[in-house]
mmCIF file of all heavy atoms, coordinates in Angstrom:
data_MODEL
# 
_entry.id   MODEL 
# 
loop_
_atom_site.group_PDB 
_atom_site.id 
_atom_site.type_symbol 
_atom_site.label_atom_id 
_atom_site.label_alt_id 
_atom_site.label_comp_id 
_atom_site.label_asym_id 
_atom_site.label_entity_id 
_atom_site.label_seq_id 
_atom_site.pdbx_PDB_ins_code 
_atom_site.Cartn_x 
_atom_site.Cartn_y 
_atom_site.Cartn_z 
_atom_site.occupancy 
_atom_site.B_iso_or_equiv 
_atom_site.pdbx_formal_charge 
_atom_site.auth_seq_id 
_atom_site.auth_comp_id 
_atom_site.auth_asym_id 
_atom_site.auth_atom_id 
_atom_site.pdbx_PDB_model_num 
ATOM 1   N N   . ASN A 1 1  ? 0.789   -1.241 -0.021  1.00 0.00 ? 1  ASN A N   1 
ATOM 2   C CA  . ASN A 1 1  ? -0.003  0.022  -0.008  1.00 0.00 ? 1  ASN A CA  1 
ATOM 3   C C   . ASN A 1 1  ? 0.828   1.281  0.001   1.00 0.00 ? 1  ASN A C   1 
ATOM 4   O O   . ASN A 1 1  ? 0.259   2.381  -0.009  1.00 0.00 ? 1  ASN A O   1 
ATOM 5   C CB  . ASN A 1 1  ? -0.893  -0.009 1.239   1.00 0.00 ? 1  ASN A CB  1 
ATOM 6   C CG  . ASN A 1 1  ? -1.856  -1.139 1.218   1.00 0.00 ? 1  ASN A CG  1 
ATOM 7   O OD1 . ASN A 1 1  ? -2.665  -1.321 0.353   1.00 0.00 ? 1  ASN A OD1 1 
ATOM 8   N ND2 . ASN A 1 1  ? -1.728  -2.053 2.224   1.00 0.00 ? 1  ASN A ND2 1 
ATOM 9   N N   . ILE A 1 2  ? 2.130   1.164  0.070   1.00 0.00 ? 2  ILE A N   1 
ATOM 10  C CA  . ILE A 1 2  ? 2.988   2.325  0.255   1.00 0.00 ? 2  ILE A CA  1 
ATOM 11  C C   . ILE A 1 2  ? 3.873   2.475  -1.004  1.00 0.00 ? 2  ILE A C   1 
ATOM 12  O O   . ILE A 1 2  ? 4.529   1.486  -1.454  1.00 0.00 ? 2  ILE A O   1 
ATOM 13  C CB  . ILE A 1 2  ? 3.905   2.208  1.471   1.00 0.00 ? 2  ILE A CB  1 
ATOM 14  C CG1 . ILE A 1 2  ? 3.006   2.125  2.727   1.00 0.00 ? 2  ILE A CG1 1 
ATOM 15  C CG2 . ILE A 1 2  ? 4.843   3.380  1.623   1.00 0.00 ? 2  ILE A CG2 1 
ATOM 16  C CD1 . ILE A 1 2  ? 3.786   1.970  4.051   1.00 0.00 ? 2  ILE A CD1 1 
ATOM 17  N N   . ASN A 1 3  ? 3.951   3.710  -1.542  1.00 0.00 ? 3  ASN A N   1 
ATOM 18  C CA  . ASN A 1 3  ? 4.801   4.044  -2.626  1.00 0.00 ? 3  ASN A CA  1 
ATOM 19  C C   . ASN A 1 3  ? 5.904   5.015  -2.284  1.00 0.00 ? 3  ASN A C   1 
ATOM 20  O O   . ASN A 1 3  ? 5.779   5.691  -1.255  1.00 0.00 ? 3  ASN A O   1 
ATOM 21  C CB  . ASN A 1 3  ? 3.960   4.653  -3.799  1.00 0.00 ? 3  ASN A CB  1 
ATOM 22  C CG  . ASN A 1 3  ? 3.073   3.616  -4.487  1.00 0.00 ? 3  ASN A CG  1 
ATOM 23  O OD1 . ASN A 1 3  ? 2.090   3.165  -3.944  1.00 0.00 ? 3  ASN A OD1 1 
ATOM 24  N ND2 . ASN A 1 3  ? 3.461   3.264  -5.717  1.00 0.00 ? 3  ASN A ND2 1 
ATOM 25  N N   . VAL A 1 4  ? 6.922   5.061  -3.067  1.00 0.00 ? 4  VAL A N   1 
ATOM 26  C CA  . VAL A 1 4  ? 7.918   6.037  -2.883  1.00 0.00 ? 4  VAL A CA  1 
ATOM 27  C C   . VAL A 1 4  ? 7.793   7.133  -3.950  1.00 0.00 ? 4  VAL A C   1 
ATOM 28  O O   . VAL A 1 4  ? 7.533   6.778  -5.161  1.00 0.00 ? 4  VAL A O   1 
ATOM 29  C CB  . VAL A 1 4  ? 9.372   5.413  -2.904  1.00 0.00 ? 4  VAL A CB  1 
ATOM 30  C CG1 . VAL A 1 4  ? 9.641   4.768  -4.271  1.00 0.00 ? 4  VAL A CG1 1 
ATOM 31  C CG2 . VAL A 1 4  ? 10.432  6.465  -2.567  1.00 0.00 ? 4  VAL A CG2 1 
ATOM 32  N N   . LEU A 1 5  ? 7.892   8.354  -3.608  1.00 0.00 ? 5  LEU A N   1 
ATOM 33  C CA  . LEU A 1 5  ? 7.832   9.447  -4.628  1.00 0.00 ? 5  LEU A CA  1 
ATOM 34  C C   . LEU A 1 5  ? 9.150   9.416  -5.387  1.00 0.00 ? 5  LEU A C   1 
ATOM 35  O O   . LEU A 1 5  ? 10.240  9.479  -4.793  1.00 0.00 ? 5  LEU A O   1 
ATOM 36  C CB  . LEU A 1 5  ? 7.691   10.748 -3.921  1.00 0.00 ? 5  LEU A CB  1 
ATOM 37  C CG  . LEU A 1 5  ? 7.568   12.002 -4.841  1.00 0.00 ? 5  LEU A CG  1 
ATOM 38  C CD1 . LEU A 1 5  ? 6.336   11.908 -5.758  1.00 0.00 ? 5  LEU A CD1 1 
ATOM 39  C CD2 . LEU A 1 5  ? 7.479   13.301 -3.999  1.00 0.00 ? 5  LEU A CD2 1 
ATOM 40  N N   . GLU A 1 6  ? 9.079   9.292  -6.714  1.00 0.00 ? 6  GLU A N   1 
ATOM 41  C CA  . GLU A 1 6  ? 10.265  9.153  -7.522  1.00 0.00 ? 6  GLU A CA  1 
ATOM 42  C C   . GLU A 1 6  ? 11.099  10.445 -7.524  1.00 0.00 ? 6  GLU A C   1 
ATOM 43  O O   . GLU A 1 6  ? 10.601  11.535 -7.317  1.00 0.00 ? 6  GLU A O   1 
ATOM 44  C CB  . GLU A 1 6  ? 9.889   8.777  -8.921  1.00 0.00 ? 6  GLU A CB  1 
ATOM 45  C CG  . GLU A 1 6  ? 9.138   7.458  -9.068  1.00 0.00 ? 6  GLU A CG  1 
ATOM 46  C CD  . GLU A 1 6  ? 7.645   7.672  -9.296  1.00 0.00 ? 6  GLU A CD  1 
ATOM 47  O OE1 . GLU A 1 6  ? 7.083   8.450  -8.501  1.00 0.00 ? 6  GLU A OE1 1 
ATOM 48  O OE2 . GLU A 1 6  ? 7.085   7.080  -10.239 1.00 0.00 ? 6  GLU A OE2 1 
ATOM 49  N N   . ALA A 1 7  ? 12.370  10.251 -7.816  1.00 0.00 ? 7  ALA A N   1 
ATOM 50  C CA  . ALA A 1 7  ? 13.286  11.396 -7.953  1.00 0.00 ? 7  ALA A CA  1 
ATOM 51  C C   . ALA A 1 7  ? 12.764  12.292 -9.086  1.00 0.00 ? 7  ALA A C   1 
ATOM 52  O O   . ALA A 1 7  ? 12.278  11.874 -10.084 1.00 0.00 ? 7  ALA A O   1 
ATOM 53  C CB  . ALA A 1 7  ? 14.703  10.872 -8.286  1.00 0.00 ? 7  ALA A CB  1 
ATOM 54  N N   . GLY A 1 8  ? 12.980  13.606 -8.842  1.00 0.00 ? 8  GLY A N   1 
ATOM 55  C CA  . GLY A 1 8  ? 12.598  14.596 -9.915  1.00 0.00 ? 8  GLY A CA  1 
ATOM 56  C C   . GLY A 1 8  ? 11.083  14.738 -10.061 1.00 0.00 ? 8  GLY A C   1 
ATOM 57  O O   . GLY A 1 8  ? 10.617  15.134 -11.119 1.00 0.00 ? 8  GLY A O   1 
ATOM 58  N N   . HIS A 1 9  ? 10.325  14.300 -9.104  1.00 0.00 ? 9  HIS A N   1 
ATOM 59  C CA  . HIS A 1 9  ? 8.844   14.333 -9.162  1.00 0.00 ? 9  HIS A CA  1 
ATOM 60  C C   . HIS A 1 9  ? 8.274   15.133 -7.932  1.00 0.00 ? 9  HIS A C   1 
ATOM 61  O O   . HIS A 1 9  ? 8.900   15.300 -6.953  1.00 0.00 ? 9  HIS A O   1 
ATOM 62  C CB  . HIS A 1 9  ? 8.215   12.976 -9.134  1.00 0.00 ? 9  HIS A CB  1 
ATOM 63  C CG  . HIS A 1 9  ? 8.335   12.212 -10.437 1.00 0.00 ? 9  HIS A CG  1 
ATOM 64  N ND1 . HIS A 1 9  ? 9.520   11.758 -10.859 1.00 0.00 ? 9  HIS A ND1 1 
ATOM 65  C CD2 . HIS A 1 9  ? 7.438   11.911 -11.378 1.00 0.00 ? 9  HIS A CD2 1 
ATOM 66  C CE1 . HIS A 1 9  ? 9.372   11.109 -12.020 1.00 0.00 ? 9  HIS A CE1 1 
ATOM 67  N NE2 . HIS A 1 9  ? 8.136   11.179 -12.369 1.00 0.00 ? 9  HIS A NE2 1 
ATOM 68  N N   . TYR A 1 10 ? 7.025   15.649 -8.132  1.00 0.00 ? 10 TYR A N   1 
ATOM 69  C CA  . TYR A 1 10 ? 6.236   16.167 -6.972  1.00 0.00 ? 10 TYR A CA  1 
ATOM 70  C C   . TYR A 1 10 ? 4.800   15.758 -7.134  1.00 0.00 ? 10 TYR A C   1 
ATOM 71  O O   . TYR A 1 10 ? 4.345   15.512 -8.304  1.00 0.00 ? 10 TYR A O   1 
ATOM 72  C CB  . TYR A 1 10 ? 6.412   17.655 -6.885  1.00 0.00 ? 10 TYR A CB  1 
ATOM 73  C CG  . TYR A 1 10 ? 5.840   18.515 -7.975  1.00 0.00 ? 10 TYR A CG  1 
ATOM 74  C CD1 . TYR A 1 10 ? 4.445   18.851 -7.927  1.00 0.00 ? 10 TYR A CD1 1 
ATOM 75  C CD2 . TYR A 1 10 ? 6.587   18.958 -9.020  1.00 0.00 ? 10 TYR A CD2 1 
ATOM 76  C CE1 . TYR A 1 10 ? 3.911   19.697 -8.903  1.00 0.00 ? 10 TYR A CE1 1 
ATOM 77  C CE2 . TYR A 1 10 ? 6.030   19.734 -10.052 1.00 0.00 ? 10 TYR A CE2 1 
ATOM 78  C CZ  . TYR A 1 10 ? 4.689   20.092 -9.974  1.00 0.00 ? 10 TYR A CZ  1 
ATOM 79  O OH  . TYR A 1 10 ? 4.112   20.862 -11.002 1.00 0.00 ? 10 TYR A OH  1 
ATOM 80  N N   . LEU A 1 11 ? 4.160   15.593 -5.984  1.00 0.00 ? 11 LEU A N   1 
ATOM 81  C CA  . LEU A 1 11 ? 2.713   15.411 -5.999  1.00 0.00 ? 11 LEU A CA  1 
ATOM 82  C C   . LEU A 1 11 ? 2.035   16.722 -5.665  1.00 0.00 ? 11 LEU A C   1 
ATOM 83  O O   . LEU A 1 11 ? 2.485   17.477 -4.782  1.00 0.00 ? 11 LEU A O   1 
ATOM 84  C CB  . LEU A 1 11 ? 2.345   14.420 -4.897  1.00 0.00 ? 11 LEU A CB  1 
ATOM 85  C CG  . LEU A 1 11 ? 2.596   12.918 -5.058  1.00 0.00 ? 11 LEU A CG  1 
ATOM 86  C CD1 . LEU A 1 11 ? 1.986   12.159 -3.873  1.00 0.00 ? 11 LEU A CD1 1 
ATOM 87  C CD2 . LEU A 1 11 ? 2.053   12.418 -6.297  1.00 0.00 ? 11 LEU A CD2 1 
ATOM 88  N N   . VAL A 1 12 ? 0.982   16.962 -6.318  1.00 0.00 ? 12 VAL A N   1 
ATOM 89  C CA  . VAL A 1 12 ? 0.142   18.177 -6.052  1.00 0.00 ? 12 VAL A CA  1 
ATOM 90  C C   . VAL A 1 12 ? -1.235  17.646 -5.706  1.00 0.00 ? 12 VAL A C   1 
ATOM 91  O O   . VAL A 1 12 ? -1.862  16.937 -6.457  1.00 0.00 ? 12 VAL A O   1 
ATOM 92  C CB  . VAL A 1 12 ? 0.112   19.200 -7.133  1.00 0.00 ? 12 VAL A CB  1 
ATOM 93  C CG1 . VAL A 1 12 ? -0.291  18.602 -8.468  1.00 0.00 ? 12 VAL A CG1 1 
ATOM 94  C CG2 . VAL A 1 12 ? -0.772  20.388 -6.801  1.00 0.00 ? 12 VAL A CG2 1 
ATOM 95  N N   . VAL A 1 13 ? -1.736  18.073 -4.499  1.00 0.00 ? 13 VAL A N   1 
ATOM 96  C CA  . VAL A 1 13 ? -3.070  17.643 -4.061  1.00 0.00 ? 13 VAL A CA  1 
ATOM 97  C C   . VAL A 1 13 ? -3.973  18.859 -4.051  1.00 0.00 ? 13 VAL A C   1 
ATOM 98  O O   . VAL A 1 13 ? -3.673  19.888 -3.363  1.00 0.00 ? 13 VAL A O   1 
ATOM 99  C CB  . VAL A 1 13 ? -2.988  17.061 -2.631  1.00 0.00 ? 13 VAL A CB  1 
ATOM 100 C CG1 . VAL A 1 13 ? -4.355  16.535 -2.165  1.00 0.00 ? 13 VAL A CG1 1 
ATOM 101 C CG2 . VAL A 1 13 ? -1.959  15.895 -2.540  1.00 0.00 ? 13 VAL A CG2 1 
ATOM 102 N N   . ASP A 1 14 ? -5.037  18.786 -4.779  1.00 0.00 ? 14 ASP A N   1 
ATOM 103 C CA  . ASP A 1 14 ? -6.028  19.857 -4.805  1.00 0.00 ? 14 ASP A CA  1 
ATOM 104 C C   . ASP A 1 14 ? -7.072  19.492 -3.779  1.00 0.00 ? 14 ASP A C   1 
ATOM 105 O O   . ASP A 1 14 ? -7.901  18.565 -4.004  1.00 0.00 ? 14 ASP A O   1 
ATOM 106 C CB  . ASP A 1 14 ? -6.686  19.963 -6.228  1.00 0.00 ? 14 ASP A CB  1 
ATOM 107 C CG  . ASP A 1 14 ? -7.539  21.233 -6.369  1.00 0.00 ? 14 ASP A CG  1 
ATOM 108 O OD1 . ASP A 1 14 ? -8.290  21.537 -5.402  1.00 0.00 ? 14 ASP A OD1 1 
ATOM 109 O OD2 . ASP A 1 14 ? -7.517  21.825 -7.464  1.00 0.00 ? 14 ASP A OD2 1 
ATOM 110 N N   . LEU A 1 15 ? -7.131  20.205 -2.675  1.00 0.00 ? 15 LEU A N   1 
ATOM 111 C CA  . LEU A 1 15 ? -8.033  19.871 -1.569  1.00 0.00 ? 15 LEU A CA  1 
ATOM 112 C C   . LEU A 1 15 ? -9.496  20.189 -1.918  1.00 0.00 ? 15 LEU A C   1 
ATOM 113 O O   . LEU A 1 15 ? -10.385 19.665 -1.261  1.00 0.00 ? 15 LEU A O   1 
ATOM 114 C CB  . LEU A 1 15 ? -7.641  20.592 -0.286  1.00 0.00 ? 15 LEU A CB  1 
ATOM 115 C CG  . LEU A 1 15 ? -6.609  19.831 0.542   1.00 0.00 ? 15 LEU A CG  1 
ATOM 116 C CD1 . LEU A 1 15 ? -5.223  19.758 -0.143  1.00 0.00 ? 15 LEU A CD1 1 
ATOM 117 C CD2 . LEU A 1 15 ? -6.424  20.486 1.942   1.00 0.00 ? 15 LEU A CD2 1 
ATOM 118 N N   . GLN A 1 16 ? -9.752  21.063 -2.844  1.00 0.00 ? 16 GLN A N   1 
ATOM 119 C CA  . GLN A 1 16 ? -11.085 21.414 -3.242  1.00 0.00 ? 16 GLN A CA  1 
ATOM 120 C C   . GLN A 1 16 ? -11.667 20.312 -4.165  1.00 0.00 ? 16 GLN A C   1 
ATOM 121 O O   . GLN A 1 16 ? -12.825 19.886 -3.945  1.00 0.00 ? 16 GLN A O   1 
ATOM 122 C CB  . GLN A 1 16 ? -11.137 22.808 -3.926  1.00 0.00 ? 16 GLN A CB  1 
ATOM 123 C CG  . GLN A 1 16 ? -11.010 23.931 -2.969  1.00 0.00 ? 16 GLN A CG  1 
ATOM 124 C CD  . GLN A 1 16 ? -11.195 25.293 -3.680  1.00 0.00 ? 16 GLN A CD  1 
ATOM 125 O OE1 . GLN A 1 16 ? -10.702 25.473 -4.768  1.00 0.00 ? 16 GLN A OE1 1 
ATOM 126 N NE2 . GLN A 1 16 ? -11.900 26.190 -3.039  1.00 0.00 ? 16 GLN A NE2 1 
ATOM 127 N N   . ASN A 1 17 ? -10.915 19.893 -5.153  1.00 0.00 ? 17 ASN A N   1 
ATOM 128 C CA  . ASN A 1 17 ? -11.406 18.868 -6.037  1.00 0.00 ? 17 ASN A CA  1 
ATOM 129 C C   . ASN A 1 17 ? -11.011 17.430 -5.615  1.00 0.00 ? 17 ASN A C   1 
ATOM 130 O O   . ASN A 1 17 ? -11.506 16.470 -6.275  1.00 0.00 ? 17 ASN A O   1 
ATOM 131 C CB  . ASN A 1 17 ? -10.785 19.124 -7.473  1.00 0.00 ? 17 ASN A CB  1 
ATOM 132 C CG  . ASN A 1 17 ? -11.246 20.488 -7.990  1.00 0.00 ? 17 ASN A CG  1 
ATOM 133 O OD1 . ASN A 1 17 ? -12.305 20.965 -7.717  1.00 0.00 ? 17 ASN A OD1 1 
ATOM 134 N ND2 . ASN A 1 17 ? -10.335 21.112 -8.783  1.00 0.00 ? 17 ASN A ND2 1 
ATOM 135 N N   . LYS A 1 18 ? -10.239 17.337 -4.535  1.00 0.00 ? 18 LYS A N   1 
ATOM 136 C CA  . LYS A 1 18 ? -9.849  16.003 -4.032  1.00 0.00 ? 18 LYS A CA  1 
ATOM 137 C C   . LYS A 1 18 ? -9.046  15.243 -5.095  1.00 0.00 ? 18 LYS A C   1 
ATOM 138 O O   . LYS A 1 18 ? -9.173  13.994 -5.166  1.00 0.00 ? 18 LYS A O   1 
ATOM 139 C CB  . LYS A 1 18 ? -10.985 15.245 -3.500  1.00 0.00 ? 18 LYS A CB  1 
ATOM 140 C CG  . LYS A 1 18 ? -11.793 15.966 -2.413  1.00 0.00 ? 18 LYS A CG  1 
ATOM 141 C CD  . LYS A 1 18 ? -13.007 15.105 -1.921  1.00 0.00 ? 18 LYS A CD  1 
ATOM 142 C CE  . LYS A 1 18 ? -13.722 15.779 -0.846  1.00 0.00 ? 18 LYS A CE  1 
ATOM 143 N NZ  . LYS A 1 18 ? -14.309 17.074 -1.251  1.00 0.00 ? 18 LYS A NZ  1 
ATOM 144 N N   . GLU A 1 19 ? -8.297  15.909 -5.838  1.00 0.00 ? 19 GLU A N   1 
ATOM 145 C CA  . GLU A 1 19 ? -7.448  15.269 -6.934  1.00 0.00 ? 19 GLU A CA  1 
ATOM 146 C C   . GLU A 1 19 ? -5.972  15.255 -6.522  1.00 0.00 ? 19 GLU A C   1 
ATOM 147 O O   . GLU A 1 19 ? -5.476  16.241 -5.984  1.00 0.00 ? 19 GLU A O   1 
ATOM 148 C CB  . GLU A 1 19 ? -7.617  16.036 -8.233  1.00 0.00 ? 19 GLU A CB  1 
ATOM 149 C CG  . GLU A 1 19 ? -9.037  15.949 -8.774  1.00 0.00 ? 19 GLU A CG  1 
ATOM 150 C CD  . GLU A 1 19 ? -9.145  16.793 -10.084 1.00 0.00 ? 19 GLU A CD  1 
ATOM 151 O OE1 . GLU A 1 19 ? -8.257  17.563 -10.416 1.00 0.00 ? 19 GLU A OE1 1 
ATOM 152 O OE2 . GLU A 1 19 ? -10.227 16.591 -10.730 1.00 0.00 ? 19 GLU A OE2 1 
ATOM 153 N N   . ILE A 1 20 ? -5.363  14.149 -6.832  1.00 0.00 ? 20 ILE A N   1 
ATOM 154 C CA  . ILE A 1 20 ? -3.902  13.990 -6.615  1.00 0.00 ? 20 ILE A CA  1 
ATOM 155 C C   . ILE A 1 20 ? -3.275  13.804 -8.025  1.00 0.00 ? 20 ILE A C   1 
ATOM 156 O O   . ILE A 1 20 ? -3.644  12.959 -8.772  1.00 0.00 ? 20 ILE A O   1 
ATOM 157 C CB  . ILE A 1 20 ? -3.551  12.800 -5.737  1.00 0.00 ? 20 ILE A CB  1 
ATOM 158 C CG1 . ILE A 1 20 ? -4.284  12.933 -4.394  1.00 0.00 ? 20 ILE A CG1 1 
ATOM 159 C CG2 . ILE A 1 20 ? -2.041  12.697 -5.589  1.00 0.00 ? 20 ILE A CG2 1 
ATOM 160 C CD1 . ILE A 1 20 ? -3.991  11.779 -3.437  1.00 0.00 ? 20 ILE A CD1 1 
ATOM 161 N N   . LYS A 1 21 ? -2.294  14.649 -8.233  1.00 0.00 ? 21 LYS A N   1 
ATOM 162 C CA  . LYS A 1 21 ? -1.581  14.561 -9.548  1.00 0.00 ? 21 LYS A CA  1 
ATOM 163 C C   . LYS A 1 21 ? -0.097  14.506 -9.292  1.00 0.00 ? 21 LYS A C   1 
ATOM 164 O O   . LYS A 1 21 ? 0.462   15.187 -8.529  1.00 0.00 ? 21 LYS A O   1 
ATOM 165 C CB  . LYS A 1 21 ? -1.917  15.813 -10.442 1.00 0.00 ? 21 LYS A CB  1 
ATOM 166 C CG  . LYS A 1 21 ? -1.285  15.796 -11.791 1.00 0.00 ? 21 LYS A CG  1 
ATOM 167 C CD  . LYS A 1 21 ? -1.644  17.007 -12.575 1.00 0.00 ? 21 LYS A CD  1 
ATOM 168 C CE  . LYS A 1 21 ? -1.081  17.052 -13.941 1.00 0.00 ? 21 LYS A CE  1 
ATOM 169 N NZ  . LYS A 1 21 ? -1.428  18.282 -14.731 1.00 0.00 ? 21 LYS A NZ  1 
ATOM 170 N N   . LYS A 1 22 ? 0.573   13.578 -9.977  1.00 0.00 ? 22 LYS A N   1 
ATOM 171 C CA  . LYS A 1 22 ? 2.006   13.433 -9.931  1.00 0.00 ? 22 LYS A CA  1 
ATOM 172 C C   . LYS A 1 22 ? 2.663   14.098 -11.170 1.00 0.00 ? 22 LYS A C   1 
ATOM 173 O O   . LYS A 1 22 ? 2.308   13.786 -12.260 1.00 0.00 ? 22 LYS A O   1 
ATOM 174 C CB  . LYS A 1 22 ? 2.440   11.950 -9.779  1.00 0.00 ? 22 LYS A CB  1 
ATOM 175 C CG  . LYS A 1 22 ? 3.917   11.787 -9.623  1.00 0.00 ? 22 LYS A CG  1 
ATOM 176 C CD  . LYS A 1 22 ? 4.252   10.381 -9.112  1.00 0.00 ? 22 LYS A CD  1 
ATOM 177 C CE  . LYS A 1 22 ? 3.811   9.279  -10.002 1.00 0.00 ? 22 LYS A CE  1 
ATOM 178 N NZ  . LYS A 1 22 ? 4.268   7.950  -9.526  1.00 0.00 ? 22 LYS A NZ  1 
ATOM 179 N N   . CYS A 1 23 ? 3.679   14.957 -10.920 1.00 0.00 ? 23 CYS A N   1 
ATOM 180 C CA  . CYS A 1 23 ? 4.308   15.680 -12.043 1.00 0.00 ? 23 CYS A CA  1 
ATOM 181 C C   . CYS A 1 23 ? 5.814   15.397 -12.000 1.00 0.00 ? 23 CYS A C   1 
ATOM 182 O O   . CYS A 1 23 ? 6.464   15.351 -10.939 1.00 0.00 ? 23 CYS A O   1 
ATOM 183 C CB  . CYS A 1 23 ? 4.066   17.139 -11.841 1.00 0.00 ? 23 CYS A CB  1 
ATOM 184 S SG  . CYS A 1 23 ? 2.365   17.629 -11.810 1.00 0.00 ? 23 CYS A SG  1 
ATOM 185 N N   . LYS A 1 24 ? 6.360   15.248 -13.186 1.00 0.00 ? 24 LYS A N   1 
ATOM 186 C CA  . LYS A 1 24 ? 7.786   15.103 -13.326 1.00 0.00 ? 24 LYS A CA  1 
ATOM 187 C C   . LYS A 1 24 ? 8.394   16.410 -13.740 1.00 0.00 ? 24 LYS A C   1 
ATOM 188 O O   . LYS A 1 24 ? 8.031   16.971 -14.798 1.00 0.00 ? 24 LYS A O   1 
ATOM 189 C CB  . LYS A 1 24 ? 8.099   13.978 -14.411 1.00 0.00 ? 24 LYS A CB  1 
ATOM 190 C CG  . LYS A 1 24 ? 9.523   13.685 -14.560 1.00 0.00 ? 24 LYS A CG  1 
ATOM 191 C CD  . LYS A 1 24 ? 9.703   12.560 -15.532 1.00 0.00 ? 24 LYS A CD  1 
ATOM 192 C CE  . LYS A 1 24 ? 11.139  12.018 -15.626 1.00 0.00 ? 24 LYS A CE  1 
ATOM 193 N NZ  . LYS A 1 24 ? 11.245  10.921 -16.565 1.00 0.00 ? 24 LYS A NZ  1 
# 
């Protein structure tokens, strides 16, 4: 159930839309 955030990436969480997006 646990992932590691990859190098050179970030997660952005939109708390209003409840969306999680991973960006390189």
